[in-house]
Amino acid sequence: MRTVIFDLDGTLADTSGDLLAAANVCFRDMGLGDVLGPGDESVALGGGRRMLETGLKRCDRYDPAVVDAYYAKLLEAYDAAIDVHSFMFDGAMEAVEALKADGFAVGICTNKPEALARKLFTSLGVLDAFGSLVGADTLPVRKPDPAPFFEAVDRVSGDRARSLLVGDSDTDRNTAANAGVPSVLVTFGPSGDDMAALSPDALLDDFADLHALAARLLA
């Protein structure tokens, strides 16, 4: 079965607002105020540790031990307010349903902790549309190791040789390369302007084009 696996943050959904808010909970606790804000969306989609590192460096307070100490607090803050600002990108679920209607299997491979990914997509009402969800802690390794991608494909009984990854970062590009499958990077997310430089197999400007693109890449 042809299979399309999606990244989550910055690909299917814009989660940057809630991620930045969780990081600022930590910075306020440090007495630094709201360090991250508008313009830091791409930082947010790099993950919790990247947000903490960026904010601390911005305040000339960077210390790896502080990042380690506050990472769990950031996840707690995010868990407590995971769906205040997050939203699905326009056309995302229509594209997923179009793929399924044509016999594609669909799943998710994300570097967000699995429980948080499940909680978010349950809240947004879209979890059941996907046949698999593999998170950062589902396996002992995470993207760009290809194992989580293959696990997401296997869980939907997909064909590894006829699968591709839709994402929004060099991590996704490298995951696909390591797996030996095509990569499709979206240009409408917070990091969209940087996607062409990563030389993916294809760029996706609009979810309405995904079905035809996947059919061509997995012909």
N, C-alpha and C. Protein backbone atom coordinates (compact mmCIF):
# COMPACT_ATOMS: atom_id res chain seq x y z
N MET A 1 0.84 -1.19 0.00
CA MET A 1 0.00 0.00 0.00
C MET A 1 0.88 1.25 0.00
N ARG A 2 0.57 2.19 -0.91
CA ARG A 2 1.28 3.47 -0.91
C ARG A 2 1.00 4.21 0.39
N THR A 3 2.04 4.84 0.93
CA THR A 3 1.90 5.41 2.27
C THR A 3 2.50 6.81 2.32
N VAL A 4 1.76 7.72 2.93
CA VAL A 4 2.24 9.08 3.18
C VAL A 4 2.31 9.29 4.68
N ILE A 5 3.51 9.58 5.18
CA ILE A 5 3.72 9.85 6.59
C ILE A 5 3.98 11.34 6.76
N PHE A 6 3.32 11.94 7.73
CA PHE A 6 3.41 13.38 7.96
C PHE A 6 4.17 13.69 9.25
N ASP A 7 5.00 14.71 9.20
CA ASP A 7 5.44 15.37 10.41
C ASP A 7 4.22 16.10 10.98
N LEU A 8 4.31 16.53 12.24
CA LEU A 8 3.16 17.20 12.86
C LEU A 8 3.38 18.72 12.94
N ASP A 9 4.28 19.15 13.82
CA ASP A 9 4.48 20.58 14.06
C ASP A 9 5.03 21.29 12.83
N GLY A 10 4.31 22.29 12.36
CA GLY A 10 4.76 23.05 11.20
C GLY A 10 4.43 22.42 9.88
N THR A 11 3.85 21.22 9.91
CA THR A 11 3.49 20.52 8.68
C THR A 11 1.98 20.36 8.59
N LEU A 12 1.41 19.63 9.52
CA LEU A 12 -0.04 19.49 9.58
C LEU A 12 -0.68 20.63 10.37
N ALA A 13 0.01 21.09 11.39
CA ALA A 13 -0.56 22.11 12.28
C ALA A 13 0.47 23.16 12.65
N ASP A 14 0.00 24.37 12.86
CA ASP A 14 0.85 25.43 13.40
C ASP A 14 0.68 25.41 14.91
N THR A 15 1.67 24.88 15.60
CA THR A 15 1.63 24.76 17.06
C THR A 15 2.54 25.77 17.74
N SER A 16 3.10 26.68 16.97
CA SER A 16 4.14 27.56 17.50
C SER A 16 3.65 28.45 18.64
N GLY A 17 2.41 28.92 18.58
CA GLY A 17 1.91 29.82 19.61
C GLY A 17 1.90 29.18 20.99
N ASP A 18 1.44 27.95 21.07
CA ASP A 18 1.39 27.27 22.36
C ASP A 18 2.78 26.85 22.83
N LEU A 19 3.66 26.51 21.90
CA LEU A 19 5.02 26.16 22.27
C LEU A 19 5.76 27.38 22.84
N LEU A 20 5.62 28.51 22.18
CA LEU A 20 6.27 29.73 22.67
C LEU A 20 5.73 30.13 24.04
N ALA A 21 4.43 29.97 24.23
CA ALA A 21 3.83 30.31 25.52
C ALA A 21 4.40 29.44 26.63
N ALA A 22 4.61 28.16 26.34
CA ALA A 22 5.17 27.25 27.34
C ALA A 22 6.61 27.63 27.68
N ALA A 23 7.38 28.00 26.67
CA ALA A 23 8.76 28.44 26.93
C ALA A 23 8.78 29.69 27.78
N ASN A 24 7.86 30.60 27.51
CA ASN A 24 7.84 31.85 28.29
C ASN A 24 7.43 31.62 29.74
N VAL A 25 6.67 30.56 30.00
CA VAL A 25 6.40 30.20 31.40
C VAL A 25 7.72 29.95 32.12
N CYS A 26 8.62 29.25 31.45
CA CYS A 26 9.94 28.96 32.04
C CYS A 26 10.76 30.23 32.21
N PHE A 27 10.77 31.06 31.19
CA PHE A 27 11.58 32.29 31.28
C PHE A 27 11.06 33.23 32.37
N ARG A 28 9.75 33.29 32.53
CA ARG A 28 9.20 34.12 33.61
C ARG A 28 9.61 33.56 34.96
N ASP A 29 9.65 32.24 35.07
CA ASP A 29 10.07 31.61 36.32
C ASP A 29 11.53 31.94 36.63
N MET A 30 12.32 32.16 35.59
CA MET A 30 13.72 32.53 35.77
C MET A 30 13.89 34.02 36.05
N GLY A 31 12.79 34.77 35.97
CA GLY A 31 12.86 36.20 36.19
C GLY A 31 13.24 36.99 34.95
N LEU A 32 13.10 36.37 33.77
CA LEU A 32 13.52 37.01 32.52
C LEU A 32 12.35 37.61 31.74
N GLY A 33 11.13 37.33 32.15
CA GLY A 33 9.98 37.82 31.40
C GLY A 33 9.72 36.97 30.17
N ASP A 34 8.90 37.49 29.26
CA ASP A 34 8.57 36.78 28.02
C ASP A 34 9.68 37.04 27.01
N VAL A 35 10.57 36.10 26.87
CA VAL A 35 11.75 36.28 26.02
C VAL A 35 11.43 36.03 24.55
N LEU A 36 10.59 35.05 24.28
CA LEU A 36 10.26 34.70 22.90
C LEU A 36 8.91 35.27 22.53
N GLY A 37 8.75 35.58 21.24
CA GLY A 37 7.49 36.16 20.80
C GLY A 37 7.35 36.11 19.29
N PRO A 38 6.57 37.03 18.72
CA PRO A 38 6.38 37.06 17.27
C PRO A 38 7.72 37.11 16.54
N GLY A 39 7.83 36.28 15.51
CA GLY A 39 9.09 36.17 14.79
C GLY A 39 9.91 34.97 15.21
N ASP A 40 9.51 34.34 16.32
CA ASP A 40 10.23 33.17 16.81
C ASP A 40 9.51 31.85 16.50
N GLU A 41 8.58 31.88 15.56
CA GLU A 41 7.80 30.68 15.27
C GLU A 41 8.68 29.52 14.82
N SER A 42 9.67 29.80 13.99
CA SER A 42 10.54 28.72 13.52
C SER A 42 11.39 28.16 14.66
N VAL A 43 11.73 29.00 15.63
CA VAL A 43 12.45 28.53 16.83
C VAL A 43 11.56 27.55 17.59
N ALA A 44 10.30 27.90 17.74
CA ALA A 44 9.37 27.04 18.47
C ALA A 44 9.28 25.66 17.84
N LEU A 45 9.24 25.62 16.53
CA LEU A 45 9.08 24.34 15.84
C LEU A 45 10.36 23.51 15.85
N GLY A 46 11.44 24.09 16.37
CA GLY A 46 12.67 23.33 16.56
C GLY A 46 12.65 22.52 17.85
N GLY A 47 11.63 22.71 18.69
CA GLY A 47 11.50 21.91 19.89
C GLY A 47 11.78 22.67 21.17
N GLY A 48 11.47 22.03 22.29
CA GLY A 48 11.58 22.66 23.58
C GLY A 48 12.98 23.09 23.94
N ARG A 49 13.94 22.22 23.72
CA ARG A 49 15.32 22.56 24.09
C ARG A 49 15.84 23.72 23.24
N ARG A 50 15.47 23.74 21.98
CA ARG A 50 15.93 24.85 21.13
C ARG A 50 15.34 26.17 21.62
N MET A 51 14.09 26.16 22.04
CA MET A 51 13.49 27.39 22.56
C MET A 51 14.22 27.87 23.81
N LEU A 52 14.49 26.94 24.71
CA LEU A 52 15.19 27.32 25.94
C LEU A 52 16.60 27.83 25.64
N GLU A 53 17.30 27.13 24.76
CA GLU A 53 18.66 27.57 24.40
C GLU A 53 18.65 28.95 23.75
N THR A 54 17.72 29.16 22.81
CA THR A 54 17.65 30.44 22.10
C THR A 54 17.34 31.57 23.06
N GLY A 55 16.36 31.37 23.92
CA GLY A 55 15.98 32.42 24.85
C GLY A 55 17.08 32.75 25.84
N LEU A 56 17.76 31.74 26.35
CA LEU A 56 18.83 31.99 27.31
C LEU A 56 20.01 32.70 26.65
N LYS A 57 20.33 32.30 25.42
CA LYS A 57 21.42 32.98 24.71
C LYS A 57 21.05 34.43 24.43
N ARG A 58 19.79 34.68 24.13
CA ARG A 58 19.33 36.04 23.86
C ARG A 58 19.51 36.92 25.09
N CYS A 59 19.42 36.34 26.26
CA CYS A 59 19.57 37.08 27.52
C CYS A 59 20.97 36.95 28.09
N ASP A 60 21.87 36.34 27.31
CA ASP A 60 23.24 36.11 27.76
C ASP A 60 23.27 35.31 29.06
N ARG A 61 22.38 34.30 29.13
CA ARG A 61 22.27 33.47 30.33
C ARG A 61 22.37 31.98 30.00
N TYR A 62 22.92 31.66 28.83
CA TYR A 62 22.90 30.26 28.40
C TYR A 62 23.73 29.38 29.32
N ASP A 63 23.11 28.28 29.74
CA ASP A 63 23.76 27.27 30.57
C ASP A 63 23.07 25.94 30.27
N PRO A 64 23.80 24.95 29.74
CA PRO A 64 23.16 23.66 29.43
C PRO A 64 22.44 23.05 30.63
N ALA A 65 22.96 23.28 31.83
CA ALA A 65 22.32 22.73 33.02
C ALA A 65 20.95 23.36 33.25
N VAL A 66 20.82 24.64 32.92
CA VAL A 66 19.53 25.30 33.07
C VAL A 66 18.54 24.76 32.05
N VAL A 67 19.00 24.52 30.84
CA VAL A 67 18.14 23.91 29.82
C VAL A 67 17.63 22.56 30.31
N ASP A 68 18.52 21.74 30.82
CA ASP A 68 18.13 20.42 31.32
C ASP A 68 17.14 20.55 32.47
N ALA A 69 17.39 21.50 33.35
CA ALA A 69 16.54 21.65 34.53
C ALA A 69 15.13 22.11 34.17
N TYR A 70 15.00 22.93 33.15
CA TYR A 70 13.70 23.51 32.81
C TYR A 70 12.96 22.76 31.71
N TYR A 71 13.58 21.79 31.09
CA TYR A 71 12.91 21.11 29.98
C TYR A 71 11.62 20.42 30.45
N ALA A 72 11.68 19.73 31.59
CA ALA A 72 10.49 19.06 32.10
C ALA A 72 9.41 20.08 32.45
N LYS A 73 9.81 21.22 33.00
CA LYS A 73 8.82 22.27 33.33
C LYS A 73 8.16 22.81 32.07
N LEU A 74 8.94 22.94 31.00
CA LEU A 74 8.38 23.40 29.73
C LEU A 74 7.32 22.41 29.23
N LEU A 75 7.64 21.12 29.29
CA LEU A 75 6.67 20.11 28.84
C LEU A 75 5.41 20.14 29.69
N GLU A 76 5.56 20.37 30.99
CA GLU A 76 4.38 20.46 31.86
C GLU A 76 3.52 21.67 31.49
N ALA A 77 4.17 22.78 31.23
CA ALA A 77 3.42 23.99 30.86
C ALA A 77 2.71 23.79 29.52
N TYR A 78 3.39 23.14 28.61
CA TYR A 78 2.80 22.89 27.30
C TYR A 78 1.61 21.93 27.42
N ASP A 79 1.77 20.89 28.21
CA ASP A 79 0.71 19.91 28.42
C ASP A 79 -0.54 20.58 29.00
N ALA A 80 -0.33 21.58 29.86
CA ALA A 80 -1.45 22.25 30.52
C ALA A 80 -2.21 23.20 29.61
N ALA A 81 -1.59 23.63 28.51
CA ALA A 81 -2.24 24.58 27.59
C ALA A 81 -1.79 24.27 26.16
N ILE A 82 -2.13 23.07 25.70
CA ILE A 82 -1.58 22.56 24.45
C ILE A 82 -2.36 23.00 23.22
N ASP A 83 -3.58 23.47 23.40
CA ASP A 83 -4.44 23.73 22.24
C ASP A 83 -5.09 25.11 22.29
N VAL A 84 -4.44 26.06 22.94
CA VAL A 84 -5.01 27.41 23.04
C VAL A 84 -4.89 28.16 21.72
N HIS A 85 -3.72 28.07 21.10
CA HIS A 85 -3.45 28.81 19.87
C HIS A 85 -3.22 27.91 18.65
N SER A 86 -3.07 26.62 18.84
CA SER A 86 -2.72 25.72 17.73
C SER A 86 -3.90 25.49 16.79
N PHE A 87 -3.58 25.31 15.52
CA PHE A 87 -4.63 25.08 14.52
C PHE A 87 -4.06 24.27 13.36
N MET A 88 -4.95 23.52 12.70
CA MET A 88 -4.56 22.77 11.51
C MET A 88 -4.39 23.74 10.34
N PHE A 89 -3.40 23.47 9.51
CA PHE A 89 -3.22 24.29 8.32
C PHE A 89 -4.39 24.07 7.36
N ASP A 90 -4.72 25.13 6.60
CA ASP A 90 -5.82 25.06 5.64
C ASP A 90 -5.61 23.90 4.68
N GLY A 91 -6.63 23.09 4.53
CA GLY A 91 -6.61 22.00 3.56
C GLY A 91 -5.91 20.73 4.01
N ALA A 92 -5.36 20.75 5.23
CA ALA A 92 -4.59 19.58 5.68
C ALA A 92 -5.47 18.33 5.74
N MET A 93 -6.60 18.41 6.39
CA MET A 93 -7.41 17.21 6.56
C MET A 93 -8.13 16.83 5.27
N GLU A 94 -8.44 17.81 4.45
CA GLU A 94 -9.01 17.47 3.13
C GLU A 94 -7.99 16.68 2.31
N ALA A 95 -6.72 17.06 2.42
CA ALA A 95 -5.67 16.33 1.70
C ALA A 95 -5.51 14.91 2.23
N VAL A 96 -5.58 14.77 3.55
CA VAL A 96 -5.49 13.44 4.16
C VAL A 96 -6.63 12.56 3.68
N GLU A 97 -7.84 13.09 3.67
CA GLU A 97 -8.98 12.29 3.24
C GLU A 97 -8.92 11.95 1.76
N ALA A 98 -8.39 12.86 0.94
CA ALA A 98 -8.25 12.58 -0.49
C ALA A 98 -7.27 11.44 -0.72
N LEU A 99 -6.19 11.42 0.04
CA LEU A 99 -5.23 10.33 -0.06
C LEU A 99 -5.87 9.00 0.33
N LYS A 100 -6.57 9.00 1.43
CA LYS A 100 -7.20 7.76 1.91
C LYS A 100 -8.25 7.26 0.91
N ALA A 101 -8.98 8.18 0.30
CA ALA A 101 -10.00 7.79 -0.67
C ALA A 101 -9.39 7.11 -1.89
N ASP A 102 -8.13 7.41 -2.17
CA ASP A 102 -7.44 6.80 -3.30
C ASP A 102 -6.60 5.60 -2.89
N GLY A 103 -6.80 5.13 -1.66
CA GLY A 103 -6.12 3.91 -1.23
C GLY A 103 -4.78 4.09 -0.56
N PHE A 104 -4.37 5.33 -0.32
CA PHE A 104 -3.13 5.57 0.42
C PHE A 104 -3.36 5.31 1.91
N ALA A 105 -2.32 4.81 2.58
CA ALA A 105 -2.32 4.79 4.03
C ALA A 105 -1.65 6.07 4.51
N VAL A 106 -2.08 6.58 5.67
CA VAL A 106 -1.51 7.82 6.20
C VAL A 106 -1.18 7.66 7.67
N GLY A 107 -0.07 8.26 8.08
CA GLY A 107 0.34 8.21 9.47
C GLY A 107 1.15 9.43 9.84
N ILE A 108 1.58 9.47 11.09
CA ILE A 108 2.34 10.61 11.61
C ILE A 108 3.63 10.12 12.24
N CYS A 109 4.71 10.84 11.95
CA CYS A 109 6.01 10.60 12.60
C CYS A 109 6.53 11.96 13.06
N THR A 110 6.55 12.17 14.36
CA THR A 110 6.88 13.47 14.92
C THR A 110 7.96 13.36 15.99
N ASN A 111 8.68 14.44 16.21
CA ASN A 111 9.63 14.49 17.32
C ASN A 111 9.01 15.15 18.55
N LYS A 112 7.69 15.29 18.56
CA LYS A 112 6.96 15.67 19.77
C LYS A 112 6.74 14.39 20.58
N PRO A 113 6.86 14.43 21.91
CA PRO A 113 6.54 13.24 22.70
C PRO A 113 5.18 12.67 22.32
N GLU A 114 5.09 11.36 22.24
CA GLU A 114 3.88 10.73 21.71
C GLU A 114 2.63 11.12 22.47
N ALA A 115 2.69 11.14 23.80
CA ALA A 115 1.49 11.45 24.58
C ALA A 115 1.00 12.87 24.29
N LEU A 116 1.92 13.81 24.12
CA LEU A 116 1.52 15.18 23.81
C LEU A 116 0.92 15.27 22.41
N ALA A 117 1.50 14.54 21.46
CA ALA A 117 0.97 14.54 20.10
C ALA A 117 -0.45 13.97 20.09
N ARG A 118 -0.65 12.88 20.81
CA ARG A 118 -1.99 12.28 20.87
C ARG A 118 -2.99 13.22 21.54
N LYS A 119 -2.55 13.88 22.60
CA LYS A 119 -3.45 14.80 23.30
C LYS A 119 -3.85 15.96 22.40
N LEU A 120 -2.88 16.52 21.69
CA LEU A 120 -3.18 17.65 20.81
C LEU A 120 -4.13 17.26 19.71
N PHE A 121 -3.85 16.17 19.02
CA PHE A 121 -4.68 15.80 17.88
C PHE A 121 -6.04 15.26 18.31
N THR A 122 -6.13 14.71 19.52
CA THR A 122 -7.44 14.36 20.06
C THR A 122 -8.25 15.62 20.30
N SER A 123 -7.61 16.63 20.88
CA SER A 123 -8.29 17.90 21.14
C SER A 123 -8.75 18.56 19.85
N LEU A 124 -7.92 18.49 18.83
CA LEU A 124 -8.27 19.09 17.54
C LEU A 124 -9.25 18.24 16.74
N GLY A 125 -9.53 17.02 17.24
CA GLY A 125 -10.53 16.17 16.61
C GLY A 125 -10.09 15.46 15.36
N VAL A 126 -8.79 15.24 15.20
CA VAL A 126 -8.31 14.65 13.94
C VAL A 126 -7.48 13.37 14.14
N LEU A 127 -7.27 12.94 15.37
CA LEU A 127 -6.38 11.80 15.61
C LEU A 127 -6.83 10.55 14.87
N ASP A 128 -8.13 10.28 14.86
CA ASP A 128 -8.63 9.04 14.26
C ASP A 128 -8.47 9.00 12.75
N ALA A 129 -8.13 10.11 12.13
CA ALA A 129 -7.95 10.12 10.68
C ALA A 129 -6.64 9.46 10.26
N PHE A 130 -5.72 9.27 11.22
CA PHE A 130 -4.40 8.74 10.91
C PHE A 130 -4.26 7.31 11.44
N GLY A 131 -3.65 6.47 10.62
CA GLY A 131 -3.51 5.06 10.99
C GLY A 131 -2.40 4.78 11.98
N SER A 132 -1.47 5.71 12.13
CA SER A 132 -0.36 5.52 13.07
C SER A 132 0.12 6.86 13.58
N LEU A 133 0.73 6.83 14.76
CA LEU A 133 1.36 8.02 15.31
C LEU A 133 2.58 7.56 16.09
N VAL A 134 3.75 7.93 15.61
CA VAL A 134 5.01 7.59 16.25
C VAL A 134 5.65 8.90 16.71
N GLY A 135 5.95 8.98 18.01
CA GLY A 135 6.51 10.20 18.57
C GLY A 135 7.98 10.08 18.89
N ALA A 136 8.49 11.13 19.55
CA ALA A 136 9.92 11.19 19.85
C ALA A 136 10.35 10.09 20.80
N ASP A 137 9.43 9.65 21.67
CA ASP A 137 9.78 8.66 22.68
C ASP A 137 9.11 7.31 22.45
N THR A 138 8.52 7.10 21.28
CA THR A 138 7.91 5.81 20.98
C THR A 138 8.97 4.72 20.87
N LEU A 139 10.08 5.06 20.24
CA LEU A 139 11.21 4.16 20.09
C LEU A 139 12.42 4.75 20.82
N PRO A 140 13.48 3.99 20.99
CA PRO A 140 14.68 4.55 21.63
C PRO A 140 15.36 5.64 20.82
N VAL A 141 15.03 5.76 19.53
CA VAL A 141 15.62 6.77 18.66
C VAL A 141 14.52 7.64 18.08
N ARG A 142 14.90 8.82 17.57
CA ARG A 142 13.95 9.74 16.96
C ARG A 142 14.50 10.19 15.61
N LYS A 143 13.65 10.90 14.84
CA LYS A 143 14.14 11.47 13.58
C LYS A 143 15.35 12.35 13.86
N PRO A 144 16.37 12.33 12.98
CA PRO A 144 16.41 11.82 11.61
C PRO A 144 16.77 10.35 11.45
N ASP A 145 16.87 9.60 12.56
CA ASP A 145 16.99 8.15 12.41
C ASP A 145 15.75 7.65 11.65
N PRO A 146 15.92 6.76 10.68
CA PRO A 146 14.77 6.33 9.89
C PRO A 146 13.84 5.37 10.61
N ALA A 147 14.26 4.82 11.75
CA ALA A 147 13.45 3.80 12.42
C ALA A 147 12.04 4.29 12.78
N PRO A 148 11.87 5.51 13.34
CA PRO A 148 10.50 5.95 13.63
C PRO A 148 9.64 6.09 12.37
N PHE A 149 10.25 6.55 11.29
CA PHE A 149 9.51 6.64 10.03
C PHE A 149 9.03 5.26 9.59
N PHE A 150 9.94 4.29 9.59
CA PHE A 150 9.57 2.94 9.19
C PHE A 150 8.51 2.37 10.12
N GLU A 151 8.59 2.67 11.42
CA GLU A 151 7.59 2.20 12.37
C GLU A 151 6.21 2.77 12.02
N ALA A 152 6.17 4.04 11.65
CA ALA A 152 4.90 4.66 11.27
C ALA A 152 4.32 4.00 10.03
N VAL A 153 5.20 3.64 9.07
CA VAL A 153 4.74 2.96 7.86
C VAL A 153 4.25 1.56 8.20
N ASP A 154 5.02 0.83 9.00
CA ASP A 154 4.66 -0.55 9.33
C ASP A 154 3.34 -0.63 10.09
N ARG A 155 3.08 0.35 10.94
CA ARG A 155 1.85 0.31 11.74
C ARG A 155 0.58 0.52 10.93
N VAL A 156 0.72 1.03 9.71
CA VAL A 156 -0.44 1.14 8.83
C VAL A 156 -0.40 0.08 7.74
N SER A 157 0.48 -0.92 7.91
CA SER A 157 0.65 -1.99 6.92
C SER A 157 1.02 -1.44 5.56
N GLY A 158 1.82 -0.38 5.58
CA GLY A 158 2.25 0.25 4.33
C GLY A 158 3.46 -0.44 3.74
N ASP A 159 3.79 -0.02 2.53
CA ASP A 159 4.94 -0.54 1.82
C ASP A 159 6.08 0.47 1.98
N ARG A 160 7.15 0.06 2.67
CA ARG A 160 8.26 0.98 2.89
C ARG A 160 8.83 1.51 1.58
N ALA A 161 8.83 0.68 0.55
CA ALA A 161 9.40 1.06 -0.73
C ALA A 161 8.49 2.00 -1.51
N ARG A 162 7.24 2.14 -1.08
CA ARG A 162 6.30 3.04 -1.75
C ARG A 162 5.73 4.01 -0.72
N SER A 163 6.64 4.67 -0.02
CA SER A 163 6.24 5.61 1.01
C SER A 163 7.02 6.90 0.87
N LEU A 164 6.50 7.96 1.47
CA LEU A 164 7.20 9.25 1.47
C LEU A 164 6.90 9.98 2.76
N LEU A 165 7.71 11.01 3.03
CA LEU A 165 7.56 11.80 4.24
C LEU A 165 7.28 13.25 3.88
N VAL A 166 6.23 13.80 4.46
CA VAL A 166 5.89 15.21 4.30
C VAL A 166 6.31 15.93 5.57
N GLY A 167 7.17 16.96 5.45
CA GLY A 167 7.66 17.65 6.63
C GLY A 167 7.96 19.10 6.37
N ASP A 168 8.74 19.70 7.28
CA ASP A 168 9.00 21.13 7.18
C ASP A 168 10.38 21.50 7.69
N SER A 169 11.33 20.58 7.67
CA SER A 169 12.63 20.88 8.27
C SER A 169 13.74 20.03 7.68
N ASP A 170 14.97 20.39 8.01
CA ASP A 170 16.09 19.56 7.60
C ASP A 170 16.04 18.20 8.28
N THR A 171 15.46 18.15 9.47
CA THR A 171 15.29 16.85 10.14
C THR A 171 14.43 15.92 9.31
N ASP A 172 13.33 16.45 8.77
CA ASP A 172 12.46 15.63 7.93
C ASP A 172 13.15 15.26 6.62
N ARG A 173 13.85 16.22 6.03
CA ARG A 173 14.59 15.94 4.80
C ARG A 173 15.61 14.84 5.04
N ASN A 174 16.33 14.91 6.14
CA ASN A 174 17.36 13.92 6.43
C ASN A 174 16.76 12.57 6.80
N THR A 175 15.63 12.59 7.47
CA THR A 175 14.95 11.33 7.79
C THR A 175 14.58 10.58 6.52
N ALA A 176 13.99 11.31 5.58
CA ALA A 176 13.61 10.69 4.32
C ALA A 176 14.83 10.16 3.58
N ALA A 177 15.90 10.95 3.56
CA ALA A 177 17.12 10.51 2.88
C ALA A 177 17.68 9.25 3.54
N ASN A 178 17.67 9.22 4.87
CA ASN A 178 18.17 8.05 5.59
C ASN A 178 17.31 6.82 5.36
N ALA A 179 16.02 7.05 5.10
CA ALA A 179 15.10 5.95 4.83
C ALA A 179 15.08 5.55 3.37
N GLY A 180 15.68 6.37 2.52
CA GLY A 180 15.69 6.08 1.10
C GLY A 180 14.35 6.29 0.43
N VAL A 181 13.58 7.29 0.93
CA VAL A 181 12.26 7.59 0.37
C VAL A 181 12.19 9.06 -0.01
N PRO A 182 11.22 9.45 -0.84
CA PRO A 182 11.09 10.86 -1.22
C PRO A 182 10.70 11.75 -0.04
N SER A 183 11.18 12.97 -0.08
CA SER A 183 10.79 13.98 0.91
C SER A 183 10.00 15.08 0.23
N VAL A 184 8.94 15.52 0.90
CA VAL A 184 8.13 16.65 0.45
C VAL A 184 8.12 17.66 1.59
N LEU A 185 8.57 18.87 1.33
CA LEU A 185 8.62 19.89 2.38
C LEU A 185 7.61 21.00 2.08
N VAL A 186 6.85 21.37 3.09
CA VAL A 186 5.81 22.39 2.91
C VAL A 186 6.42 23.78 2.98
N THR A 187 5.89 24.67 2.18
CA THR A 187 6.40 26.04 2.13
C THR A 187 5.50 27.04 2.85
N PHE A 188 4.37 26.58 3.40
CA PHE A 188 3.42 27.50 4.02
C PHE A 188 3.58 27.59 5.54
N GLY A 189 4.52 26.83 6.11
CA GLY A 189 4.74 26.89 7.54
C GLY A 189 5.67 28.03 7.92
N PRO A 190 5.95 28.17 9.21
CA PRO A 190 6.82 29.26 9.67
C PRO A 190 8.22 29.24 9.06
N SER A 191 8.70 28.07 8.64
CA SER A 191 10.04 27.98 8.05
C SER A 191 10.00 27.83 6.54
N GLY A 192 8.86 28.16 5.94
CA GLY A 192 8.65 27.89 4.53
C GLY A 192 9.67 28.47 3.57
N ASP A 193 10.16 29.66 3.87
CA ASP A 193 11.10 30.31 2.96
C ASP A 193 12.44 29.58 2.88
N ASP A 194 12.71 28.73 3.85
CA ASP A 194 14.00 28.04 3.89
C ASP A 194 13.96 26.65 3.26
N MET A 195 12.79 26.20 2.84
CA MET A 195 12.65 24.80 2.41
C MET A 195 13.36 24.50 1.09
N ALA A 196 13.34 25.41 0.15
CA ALA A 196 13.94 25.14 -1.16
C ALA A 196 15.43 24.86 -1.04
N ALA A 197 16.08 25.53 -0.09
CA ALA A 197 17.53 25.35 0.07
C ALA A 197 17.88 23.95 0.56
N LEU A 198 16.91 23.23 1.09
CA LEU A 198 17.16 21.87 1.59
C LEU A 198 17.09 20.83 0.49
N SER A 199 16.70 21.24 -0.71
CA SER A 199 16.66 20.36 -1.89
C SER A 199 15.86 19.08 -1.65
N PRO A 200 14.60 19.20 -1.24
CA PRO A 200 13.78 18.00 -1.11
C PRO A 200 13.39 17.46 -2.48
N ASP A 201 12.75 16.33 -2.51
CA ASP A 201 12.28 15.79 -3.78
C ASP A 201 11.15 16.63 -4.35
N ALA A 202 10.41 17.30 -3.48
CA ALA A 202 9.35 18.19 -3.95
C ALA A 202 9.02 19.20 -2.87
N LEU A 203 8.52 20.35 -3.31
CA LEU A 203 8.00 21.37 -2.40
C LEU A 203 6.49 21.40 -2.52
N LEU A 204 5.82 21.64 -1.41
CA LEU A 204 4.35 21.68 -1.40
C LEU A 204 3.90 23.06 -0.95
N ASP A 205 3.30 23.79 -1.88
CA ASP A 205 2.82 25.14 -1.59
C ASP A 205 1.39 25.17 -1.08
N ASP A 206 0.64 24.11 -1.37
CA ASP A 206 -0.78 24.08 -1.02
C ASP A 206 -1.17 22.62 -0.83
N PHE A 207 -1.86 22.31 0.27
CA PHE A 207 -2.27 20.93 0.51
C PHE A 207 -3.15 20.38 -0.60
N ALA A 208 -3.81 21.25 -1.35
CA ALA A 208 -4.66 20.79 -2.44
C ALA A 208 -3.87 20.05 -3.51
N ASP A 209 -2.55 20.29 -3.54
CA ASP A 209 -1.71 19.65 -4.56
C ASP A 209 -1.08 18.34 -4.09
N LEU A 210 -1.30 17.96 -2.83
CA LEU A 210 -0.57 16.81 -2.29
C LEU A 210 -0.95 15.49 -2.93
N HIS A 211 -2.23 15.28 -3.18
CA HIS A 211 -2.65 14.00 -3.74
C HIS A 211 -1.95 13.71 -5.07
N ALA A 212 -1.99 14.66 -5.96
CA ALA A 212 -1.36 14.47 -7.27
C ALA A 212 0.15 14.31 -7.12
N LEU A 213 0.73 15.05 -6.21
CA LEU A 213 2.18 14.98 -5.99
C LEU A 213 2.58 13.63 -5.45
N ALA A 214 1.84 13.12 -4.47
CA ALA A 214 2.15 11.80 -3.90
C ALA A 214 1.96 10.70 -4.94
N ALA A 215 0.91 10.81 -5.75
CA ALA A 215 0.67 9.80 -6.78
C ALA A 215 1.83 9.77 -7.78
N ARG A 216 2.38 10.95 -8.09
CA ARG A 216 3.50 10.99 -9.03
C ARG A 216 4.77 10.43 -8.41
N LEU A 217 5.06 10.81 -7.19
CA LEU A 217 6.30 10.36 -6.55
C LEU A 217 6.29 8.87 -6.23
N LEU A 218 5.10 8.32 -6.02
CA LEU A 218 5.00 6.90 -5.65
C LEU A 218 4.38 6.07 -6.77
N ALA A 219 4.49 6.57 -7.98
CA ALA A 219 3.93 5.83 -9.13
C ALA A 219 4.62 4.48 -9.28
